Amino acid sequence: MRNTGILEFCAYLEDTPLGLAVQDHFWVVPTMQTVHILAISALLVAVLMIDLRVLQINGKSESISTVISRYINIVWISLPILLISGSILIIGEPARSLANSAFQIKMIMLLMVIAITFGLQKFGSTSTMQMQSEGKTKLLAILSLLLWFGIVASGRWIAYT
């Protein structure tokens, strides 16, 4: 029953003017895929730098707040680019994504990692909070890395399910 509703919504999206435009112009999908991959690459490097500093693996000579302030803007700029490019890809072939369990898992992990990123930004911005919750902050960094790995893997898995 639930799948029927998703498939009906997918059929509706495919027939919208934007859906038809994406389908009719061969260059849109590869262009959006390229933008999506570049944005995820920038975001992953920024997250990796922050998480490695929180875990005290890299950048020990700088404070966590310095590293976060250096890279967090890349994260928050990349996310809307990913949202826009991903939405265009979904509108072009909605059933490929929306009805796909790998996509659904990817979106759940994305919501979780965005919340974790807010937490890391909050904990890392004040040295008092950072000292009081060092174990929590490290746990958030590990979870962040695992979730981003899962998001990338799920994104690739969409093509195979």
N, C-alpha and C. Protein backbone atom coordinates (compact mmCIF):
# COMPACT_ATOMS: atom_id res chain seq x y z
N MET A 1 0.82 -1.19 0.00
CA MET A 1 0.00 0.00 0.00
C MET A 1 0.87 1.26 0.00
N ARG A 2 1.88 1.27 0.89
CA ARG A 2 2.76 2.43 0.99
C ARG A 2 3.53 2.64 -0.31
N ASN A 3 3.98 1.55 -0.92
CA ASN A 3 4.72 1.64 -2.16
C ASN A 3 3.88 2.23 -3.28
N THR A 4 2.58 1.94 -3.29
CA THR A 4 1.70 2.48 -4.31
C THR A 4 1.67 4.00 -4.24
N GLY A 5 1.59 4.54 -3.04
CA GLY A 5 1.59 5.99 -2.87
C GLY A 5 2.87 6.63 -3.35
N ILE A 6 3.99 5.99 -3.04
CA ILE A 6 5.29 6.52 -3.49
C ILE A 6 5.37 6.48 -5.01
N LEU A 7 4.94 5.37 -5.59
CA LEU A 7 5.01 5.24 -7.05
C LEU A 7 4.08 6.23 -7.76
N GLU A 8 2.92 6.49 -7.16
CA GLU A 8 2.02 7.50 -7.73
C GLU A 8 2.66 8.89 -7.67
N PHE A 9 3.31 9.18 -6.56
CA PHE A 9 3.99 10.46 -6.42
C PHE A 9 5.14 10.56 -7.43
N CYS A 10 5.86 9.46 -7.62
CA CYS A 10 6.96 9.43 -8.60
C CYS A 10 6.44 9.70 -10.01
N ALA A 11 5.31 9.09 -10.35
CA ALA A 11 4.71 9.32 -11.68
C ALA A 11 4.32 10.78 -11.84
N TYR A 12 3.79 11.37 -10.77
CA TYR A 12 3.43 12.79 -10.82
C TYR A 12 4.68 13.65 -11.05
N LEU A 13 5.75 13.38 -10.29
CA LEU A 13 6.99 14.16 -10.44
C LEU A 13 7.58 14.05 -11.84
N GLU A 14 7.54 12.86 -12.40
CA GLU A 14 8.08 12.66 -13.76
C GLU A 14 7.36 13.51 -14.79
N ASP A 15 6.08 13.75 -14.56
CA ASP A 15 5.26 14.49 -15.53
C ASP A 15 5.21 15.99 -15.28
N THR A 16 5.91 16.48 -14.25
CA THR A 16 5.95 17.92 -14.03
C THR A 16 6.83 18.56 -15.10
N PRO A 17 6.67 19.85 -15.35
CA PRO A 17 7.53 20.51 -16.35
C PRO A 17 9.03 20.34 -16.06
N LEU A 18 9.41 20.43 -14.78
CA LEU A 18 10.82 20.25 -14.44
C LEU A 18 11.26 18.80 -14.68
N GLY A 19 10.42 17.85 -14.32
CA GLY A 19 10.73 16.45 -14.56
C GLY A 19 10.91 16.16 -16.04
N LEU A 20 10.02 16.69 -16.84
CA LEU A 20 10.11 16.49 -18.29
C LEU A 20 11.35 17.18 -18.87
N ALA A 21 11.67 18.36 -18.34
CA ALA A 21 12.85 19.09 -18.83
C ALA A 21 14.13 18.31 -18.52
N VAL A 22 14.20 17.74 -17.33
CA VAL A 22 15.38 16.94 -16.96
C VAL A 22 15.49 15.73 -17.89
N GLN A 23 14.37 15.09 -18.16
CA GLN A 23 14.37 13.91 -19.01
C GLN A 23 14.68 14.25 -20.47
N ASP A 24 14.23 15.43 -20.93
CA ASP A 24 14.38 15.81 -22.34
C ASP A 24 15.75 16.36 -22.71
N HIS A 25 16.51 16.84 -21.73
CA HIS A 25 17.82 17.43 -22.00
C HIS A 25 18.90 16.49 -21.48
N PHE A 26 19.58 15.83 -22.39
CA PHE A 26 20.54 14.78 -22.04
C PHE A 26 21.66 15.26 -21.13
N TRP A 27 21.98 16.53 -21.15
CA TRP A 27 23.12 17.05 -20.40
C TRP A 27 22.80 17.35 -18.94
N VAL A 28 21.52 17.41 -18.57
CA VAL A 28 21.16 17.81 -17.20
C VAL A 28 21.64 16.78 -16.18
N VAL A 29 21.36 15.51 -16.41
CA VAL A 29 21.72 14.49 -15.42
C VAL A 29 23.23 14.41 -15.22
N PRO A 30 24.04 14.31 -16.27
CA PRO A 30 25.50 14.25 -16.01
C PRO A 30 26.04 15.53 -15.38
N THR A 31 25.46 16.67 -15.73
CA THR A 31 25.90 17.92 -15.12
C THR A 31 25.57 17.95 -13.63
N MET A 32 24.35 17.56 -13.28
CA MET A 32 23.95 17.54 -11.86
C MET A 32 24.72 16.48 -11.09
N GLN A 33 25.01 15.35 -11.72
CA GLN A 33 25.83 14.34 -11.06
C GLN A 33 27.23 14.87 -10.77
N THR A 34 27.79 15.60 -11.71
CA THR A 34 29.12 16.18 -11.52
C THR A 34 29.11 17.20 -10.38
N VAL A 35 28.12 18.09 -10.39
CA VAL A 35 27.99 19.08 -9.31
C VAL A 35 27.82 18.37 -7.97
N HIS A 36 26.98 17.34 -7.95
CA HIS A 36 26.71 16.58 -6.73
C HIS A 36 28.00 15.93 -6.19
N ILE A 37 28.76 15.33 -7.07
CA ILE A 37 30.00 14.66 -6.66
C ILE A 37 31.03 15.67 -6.18
N LEU A 38 31.15 16.81 -6.86
CA LEU A 38 32.10 17.84 -6.41
C LEU A 38 31.71 18.40 -5.04
N ALA A 39 30.41 18.62 -4.84
CA ALA A 39 29.94 19.15 -3.56
C ALA A 39 30.15 18.13 -2.44
N ILE A 40 29.87 16.85 -2.70
CA ILE A 40 30.08 15.84 -1.66
C ILE A 40 31.57 15.70 -1.36
N SER A 41 32.41 15.86 -2.36
CA SER A 41 33.86 15.79 -2.15
C SER A 41 34.33 16.92 -1.24
N ALA A 42 33.88 18.14 -1.53
CA ALA A 42 34.26 19.29 -0.69
C ALA A 42 33.76 19.10 0.74
N LEU A 43 32.53 18.67 0.87
CA LEU A 43 31.94 18.47 2.18
C LEU A 43 32.69 17.39 2.96
N LEU A 44 33.00 16.28 2.30
CA LEU A 44 33.69 15.19 2.99
C LEU A 44 35.09 15.58 3.45
N VAL A 45 35.80 16.36 2.65
CA VAL A 45 37.13 16.82 3.07
C VAL A 45 37.00 17.72 4.30
N ALA A 46 36.04 18.63 4.28
CA ALA A 46 35.84 19.53 5.42
C ALA A 46 35.46 18.74 6.68
N VAL A 47 34.53 17.82 6.55
CA VAL A 47 34.12 17.00 7.69
C VAL A 47 35.28 16.15 8.20
N LEU A 48 36.04 15.59 7.28
CA LEU A 48 37.19 14.77 7.67
C LEU A 48 38.20 15.60 8.47
N MET A 49 38.48 16.81 8.01
CA MET A 49 39.44 17.67 8.72
C MET A 49 38.94 18.00 10.13
N ILE A 50 37.65 18.31 10.24
CA ILE A 50 37.07 18.62 11.56
C ILE A 50 37.11 17.39 12.45
N ASP A 51 36.64 16.27 11.94
CA ASP A 51 36.57 15.06 12.75
C ASP A 51 37.95 14.56 13.17
N LEU A 52 38.91 14.63 12.26
CA LEU A 52 40.27 14.20 12.62
C LEU A 52 40.87 15.09 13.70
N ARG A 53 40.53 16.38 13.67
CA ARG A 53 41.02 17.28 14.74
C ARG A 53 40.34 16.95 16.06
N VAL A 54 39.04 16.73 16.02
CA VAL A 54 38.32 16.38 17.25
C VAL A 54 38.87 15.09 17.85
N LEU A 55 39.22 14.14 16.99
CA LEU A 55 39.77 12.86 17.45
C LEU A 55 41.25 12.95 17.78
N GLN A 56 41.84 14.12 17.64
CA GLN A 56 43.24 14.40 17.95
C GLN A 56 44.20 13.56 17.09
N ILE A 57 43.79 13.33 15.84
CA ILE A 57 44.63 12.60 14.89
C ILE A 57 45.41 13.56 14.01
N ASN A 58 44.85 14.73 13.75
CA ASN A 58 45.46 15.70 12.84
C ASN A 58 45.23 17.11 13.38
N GLY A 59 46.14 18.00 13.08
CA GLY A 59 45.97 19.41 13.42
C GLY A 59 46.01 19.72 14.90
N LYS A 60 46.77 18.97 15.66
CA LYS A 60 46.82 19.15 17.12
C LYS A 60 47.34 20.52 17.54
N SER A 61 48.07 21.17 16.64
CA SER A 61 48.64 22.48 16.99
C SER A 61 47.59 23.58 17.00
N GLU A 62 46.40 23.29 16.47
CA GLU A 62 45.34 24.29 16.44
C GLU A 62 44.18 23.84 17.33
N SER A 63 43.46 24.81 17.86
CA SER A 63 42.30 24.47 18.68
C SER A 63 41.19 23.90 17.80
N ILE A 64 40.33 23.13 18.44
CA ILE A 64 39.19 22.56 17.71
C ILE A 64 38.32 23.68 17.14
N SER A 65 38.12 24.73 17.92
CA SER A 65 37.27 25.82 17.44
C SER A 65 37.86 26.50 16.21
N THR A 66 39.19 26.60 16.14
CA THR A 66 39.84 27.18 14.96
C THR A 66 39.61 26.31 13.73
N VAL A 67 39.78 25.00 13.90
CA VAL A 67 39.59 24.08 12.78
C VAL A 67 38.12 24.07 12.34
N ILE A 68 37.21 24.05 13.30
CA ILE A 68 35.79 24.07 12.95
C ILE A 68 35.45 25.36 12.21
N SER A 69 35.91 26.49 12.71
CA SER A 69 35.57 27.75 12.04
C SER A 69 36.18 27.83 10.64
N ARG A 70 37.30 27.16 10.42
CA ARG A 70 37.93 27.14 9.10
C ARG A 70 37.12 26.32 8.09
N TYR A 71 36.57 25.20 8.52
CA TYR A 71 35.95 24.26 7.58
C TYR A 71 34.43 24.20 7.61
N ILE A 72 33.80 24.71 8.65
CA ILE A 72 32.35 24.53 8.79
C ILE A 72 31.57 25.24 7.68
N ASN A 73 32.08 26.37 7.18
CA ASN A 73 31.37 27.05 6.09
C ASN A 73 31.31 26.20 4.83
N ILE A 74 32.36 25.41 4.59
CA ILE A 74 32.34 24.52 3.43
C ILE A 74 31.21 23.50 3.59
N VAL A 75 31.02 23.01 4.80
CA VAL A 75 29.94 22.06 5.07
C VAL A 75 28.59 22.70 4.78
N TRP A 76 28.36 23.88 5.34
CA TRP A 76 27.03 24.52 5.22
C TRP A 76 26.79 25.09 3.82
N ILE A 77 27.83 25.35 3.05
CA ILE A 77 27.65 25.77 1.65
C ILE A 77 27.41 24.55 0.77
N SER A 78 28.11 23.46 1.05
CA SER A 78 27.96 22.24 0.25
C SER A 78 26.58 21.61 0.40
N LEU A 79 26.02 21.63 1.60
CA LEU A 79 24.73 20.97 1.82
C LEU A 79 23.61 21.50 0.93
N PRO A 80 23.42 22.82 0.79
CA PRO A 80 22.37 23.29 -0.13
C PRO A 80 22.65 22.93 -1.59
N ILE A 81 23.92 22.93 -1.97
CA ILE A 81 24.27 22.53 -3.34
C ILE A 81 23.89 21.06 -3.55
N LEU A 82 24.18 20.24 -2.55
CA LEU A 82 23.79 18.82 -2.62
C LEU A 82 22.27 18.67 -2.66
N LEU A 83 21.58 19.46 -1.89
CA LEU A 83 20.11 19.40 -1.87
C LEU A 83 19.53 19.76 -3.23
N ILE A 84 20.04 20.82 -3.83
CA ILE A 84 19.52 21.26 -5.13
C ILE A 84 19.87 20.27 -6.23
N SER A 85 21.14 19.88 -6.30
CA SER A 85 21.53 18.95 -7.37
C SER A 85 20.87 17.59 -7.18
N GLY A 86 20.78 17.12 -5.95
CA GLY A 86 20.12 15.85 -5.68
C GLY A 86 18.63 15.90 -6.00
N SER A 87 18.00 17.03 -5.68
CA SER A 87 16.56 17.17 -5.98
C SER A 87 16.30 17.14 -7.47
N ILE A 88 17.16 17.77 -8.24
CA ILE A 88 17.00 17.76 -9.70
C ILE A 88 17.17 16.34 -10.23
N LEU A 89 18.14 15.61 -9.69
CA LEU A 89 18.33 14.22 -10.10
C LEU A 89 17.11 13.37 -9.74
N ILE A 90 16.55 13.61 -8.57
CA ILE A 90 15.37 12.86 -8.14
C ILE A 90 14.18 13.18 -9.03
N ILE A 91 13.99 14.44 -9.34
CA ILE A 91 12.84 14.84 -10.17
C ILE A 91 12.93 14.23 -11.57
N GLY A 92 14.14 14.06 -12.07
CA GLY A 92 14.32 13.45 -13.39
C GLY A 92 13.98 11.96 -13.41
N GLU A 93 14.30 11.25 -12.34
CA GLU A 93 14.02 9.82 -12.22
C GLU A 93 13.57 9.51 -10.79
N PRO A 94 12.37 9.95 -10.41
CA PRO A 94 11.97 9.82 -9.00
C PRO A 94 11.85 8.38 -8.50
N ALA A 95 11.36 7.48 -9.32
CA ALA A 95 11.17 6.10 -8.85
C ALA A 95 12.51 5.43 -8.53
N ARG A 96 13.55 5.84 -9.25
CA ARG A 96 14.88 5.28 -9.03
C ARG A 96 15.38 5.59 -7.61
N SER A 97 14.96 6.73 -7.08
CA SER A 97 15.42 7.14 -5.76
C SER A 97 14.37 6.96 -4.68
N LEU A 98 13.25 7.61 -4.82
CA LEU A 98 12.28 7.68 -3.74
C LEU A 98 11.76 6.32 -3.31
N ALA A 99 11.61 5.38 -4.22
CA ALA A 99 11.10 4.05 -3.89
C ALA A 99 12.23 3.08 -3.54
N ASN A 100 13.46 3.58 -3.48
CA ASN A 100 14.63 2.75 -3.28
C ASN A 100 15.02 2.75 -1.80
N SER A 101 15.15 1.57 -1.21
CA SER A 101 15.49 1.48 0.22
C SER A 101 16.88 2.06 0.51
N ALA A 102 17.82 1.94 -0.41
CA ALA A 102 19.15 2.52 -0.20
C ALA A 102 19.06 4.04 -0.10
N PHE A 103 18.21 4.65 -0.93
CA PHE A 103 18.01 6.10 -0.87
C PHE A 103 17.37 6.51 0.46
N GLN A 104 16.39 5.74 0.89
CA GLN A 104 15.70 6.06 2.14
C GLN A 104 16.65 5.96 3.33
N ILE A 105 17.50 4.95 3.33
CA ILE A 105 18.50 4.81 4.39
C ILE A 105 19.48 5.98 4.33
N LYS A 106 19.87 6.36 3.13
CA LYS A 106 20.79 7.49 2.94
C LYS A 106 20.19 8.76 3.54
N MET A 107 18.92 9.00 3.32
CA MET A 107 18.29 10.22 3.84
C MET A 107 18.18 10.21 5.36
N ILE A 108 17.93 9.05 5.94
CA ILE A 108 17.89 8.94 7.41
C ILE A 108 19.27 9.24 7.99
N MET A 109 20.31 8.65 7.37
CA MET A 109 21.67 8.91 7.85
C MET A 109 22.04 10.38 7.66
N LEU A 110 21.58 10.99 6.57
CA LEU A 110 21.88 12.40 6.33
C LEU A 110 21.27 13.29 7.42
N LEU A 111 20.03 13.03 7.78
CA LEU A 111 19.41 13.81 8.86
C LEU A 111 20.17 13.64 10.17
N MET A 112 20.61 12.43 10.44
CA MET A 112 21.38 12.17 11.66
C MET A 112 22.71 12.91 11.65
N VAL A 113 23.42 12.87 10.53
CA VAL A 113 24.75 13.49 10.48
C VAL A 113 24.65 15.02 10.49
N ILE A 114 23.58 15.57 9.96
CA ILE A 114 23.39 17.03 10.05
C ILE A 114 23.23 17.42 11.52
N ALA A 115 22.45 16.65 12.28
CA ALA A 115 22.29 16.93 13.71
C ALA A 115 23.63 16.80 14.44
N ILE A 116 24.40 15.79 14.08
CA ILE A 116 25.72 15.60 14.70
C ILE A 116 26.64 16.78 14.36
N THR A 117 26.58 17.25 13.13
CA THR A 117 27.42 18.38 12.71
C THR A 117 27.06 19.63 13.52
N PHE A 118 25.77 19.85 13.74
CA PHE A 118 25.36 20.96 14.62
C PHE A 118 25.96 20.77 16.01
N GLY A 119 25.91 19.54 16.52
CA GLY A 119 26.46 19.26 17.84
C GLY A 119 27.95 19.50 17.91
N LEU A 120 28.68 19.04 16.91
CA LEU A 120 30.12 19.27 16.88
C LEU A 120 30.44 20.75 16.81
N GLN A 121 29.68 21.47 16.01
CA GLN A 121 29.90 22.91 15.89
C GLN A 121 29.65 23.59 17.24
N LYS A 122 28.60 23.16 17.93
CA LYS A 122 28.26 23.74 19.23
C LYS A 122 29.32 23.40 20.27
N PHE A 123 29.68 22.11 20.37
CA PHE A 123 30.66 21.69 21.37
C PHE A 123 32.03 22.28 21.10
N GLY A 124 32.40 22.39 19.85
CA GLY A 124 33.73 22.87 19.50
C GLY A 124 33.89 24.37 19.58
N SER A 125 32.76 25.08 19.65
CA SER A 125 32.85 26.54 19.62
C SER A 125 33.17 27.15 20.98
N THR A 126 32.96 26.41 22.05
CA THR A 126 33.29 26.93 23.37
C THR A 126 34.26 25.98 24.05
N SER A 127 35.34 26.52 24.52
CA SER A 127 36.37 25.67 25.11
C SER A 127 35.87 25.00 26.39
N THR A 128 35.00 25.65 27.16
CA THR A 128 34.48 25.05 28.38
C THR A 128 33.65 23.82 28.03
N MET A 129 32.75 23.97 27.08
CA MET A 129 31.91 22.84 26.66
C MET A 129 32.79 21.73 26.10
N GLN A 130 33.80 22.12 25.37
CA GLN A 130 34.70 21.15 24.76
C GLN A 130 35.39 20.32 25.84
N MET A 131 35.87 20.95 26.88
CA MET A 131 36.57 20.23 27.93
C MET A 131 35.61 19.35 28.72
N GLN A 132 34.39 19.83 28.98
CA GLN A 132 33.43 19.07 29.76
C GLN A 132 32.91 17.85 29.01
N SER A 133 32.89 17.91 27.70
CA SER A 133 32.25 16.84 26.94
C SER A 133 33.20 16.26 25.89
N GLU A 134 34.47 16.13 26.24
CA GLU A 134 35.45 15.63 25.28
C GLU A 134 35.08 14.23 24.78
N GLY A 135 34.62 13.37 25.66
CA GLY A 135 34.20 12.03 25.26
C GLY A 135 33.02 12.08 24.31
N LYS A 136 32.05 12.95 24.62
CA LYS A 136 30.88 13.11 23.74
C LYS A 136 31.29 13.64 22.38
N THR A 137 32.17 14.61 22.38
CA THR A 137 32.62 15.22 21.13
C THR A 137 33.34 14.19 20.26
N LYS A 138 34.17 13.37 20.87
CA LYS A 138 34.87 12.33 20.11
C LYS A 138 33.88 11.30 19.56
N LEU A 139 32.89 10.95 20.36
CA LEU A 139 31.87 10.01 19.91
C LEU A 139 31.11 10.60 18.72
N LEU A 140 30.78 11.89 18.79
CA LEU A 140 30.10 12.55 17.67
C LEU A 140 30.96 12.53 16.41
N ALA A 141 32.26 12.74 16.57
CA ALA A 141 33.16 12.73 15.41
C ALA A 141 33.22 11.33 14.78
N ILE A 142 33.28 10.30 15.60
CA ILE A 142 33.31 8.92 15.08
C ILE A 142 31.99 8.61 14.38
N LEU A 143 30.88 8.97 15.01
CA LEU A 143 29.58 8.75 14.38
C LEU A 143 29.46 9.51 13.07
N SER A 144 29.97 10.73 13.05
CA SER A 144 29.94 11.54 11.84
C SER A 144 30.67 10.83 10.70
N LEU A 145 31.88 10.37 10.98
CA LEU A 145 32.65 9.68 9.94
C LEU A 145 31.94 8.41 9.45
N LEU A 146 31.40 7.64 10.37
CA LEU A 146 30.69 6.41 10.00
C LEU A 146 29.45 6.72 9.16
N LEU A 147 28.71 7.73 9.57
CA LEU A 147 27.50 8.09 8.82
C LEU A 147 27.84 8.62 7.43
N TRP A 148 28.86 9.46 7.32
CA TRP A 148 29.23 9.96 6.00
C TRP A 148 29.68 8.82 5.09
N PHE A 149 30.42 7.86 5.65
CA PHE A 149 30.81 6.69 4.88
C PHE A 149 29.55 5.94 4.42
N GLY A 150 28.61 5.77 5.33
CA GLY A 150 27.35 5.10 4.99
C GLY A 150 26.53 5.85 3.96
N ILE A 151 26.55 7.16 4.02
CA ILE A 151 25.82 7.98 3.05
C ILE A 151 26.40 7.80 1.65
N VAL A 152 27.72 7.85 1.56
CA VAL A 152 28.37 7.66 0.26
C VAL A 152 28.10 6.25 -0.26
N ALA A 153 28.24 5.25 0.59
CA ALA A 153 27.99 3.87 0.17
C ALA A 153 26.54 3.69 -0.26
N SER A 154 25.61 4.24 0.49
CA SER A 154 24.18 4.14 0.13
C SER A 154 23.91 4.86 -1.19
N GLY A 155 24.54 6.01 -1.37
CA GLY A 155 24.37 6.75 -2.62
C GLY A 155 24.83 5.94 -3.83
N ARG A 156 25.92 5.25 -3.68
CA ARG A 156 26.40 4.38 -4.76
C ARG A 156 25.49 3.17 -4.92
N TRP A 157 24.97 2.67 -3.82
CA TRP A 157 24.15 1.46 -3.85
C TRP A 157 22.80 1.70 -4.53
N ILE A 158 22.35 2.95 -4.59
CA ILE A 158 21.08 3.28 -5.25
C ILE A 158 21.08 2.75 -6.67
N ALA A 159 22.19 2.84 -7.35
CA ALA A 159 22.26 2.39 -8.74
C ALA A 159 22.09 0.88 -8.89
N TYR A 160 22.30 0.15 -7.81
CA TYR A 160 22.29 -1.32 -7.90
C TYR A 160 21.07 -1.97 -7.28
N THR A 161 20.19 -1.19 -6.68
CA THR A 161 18.99 -1.78 -6.07
C THR A 161 17.74 -1.29 -6.75
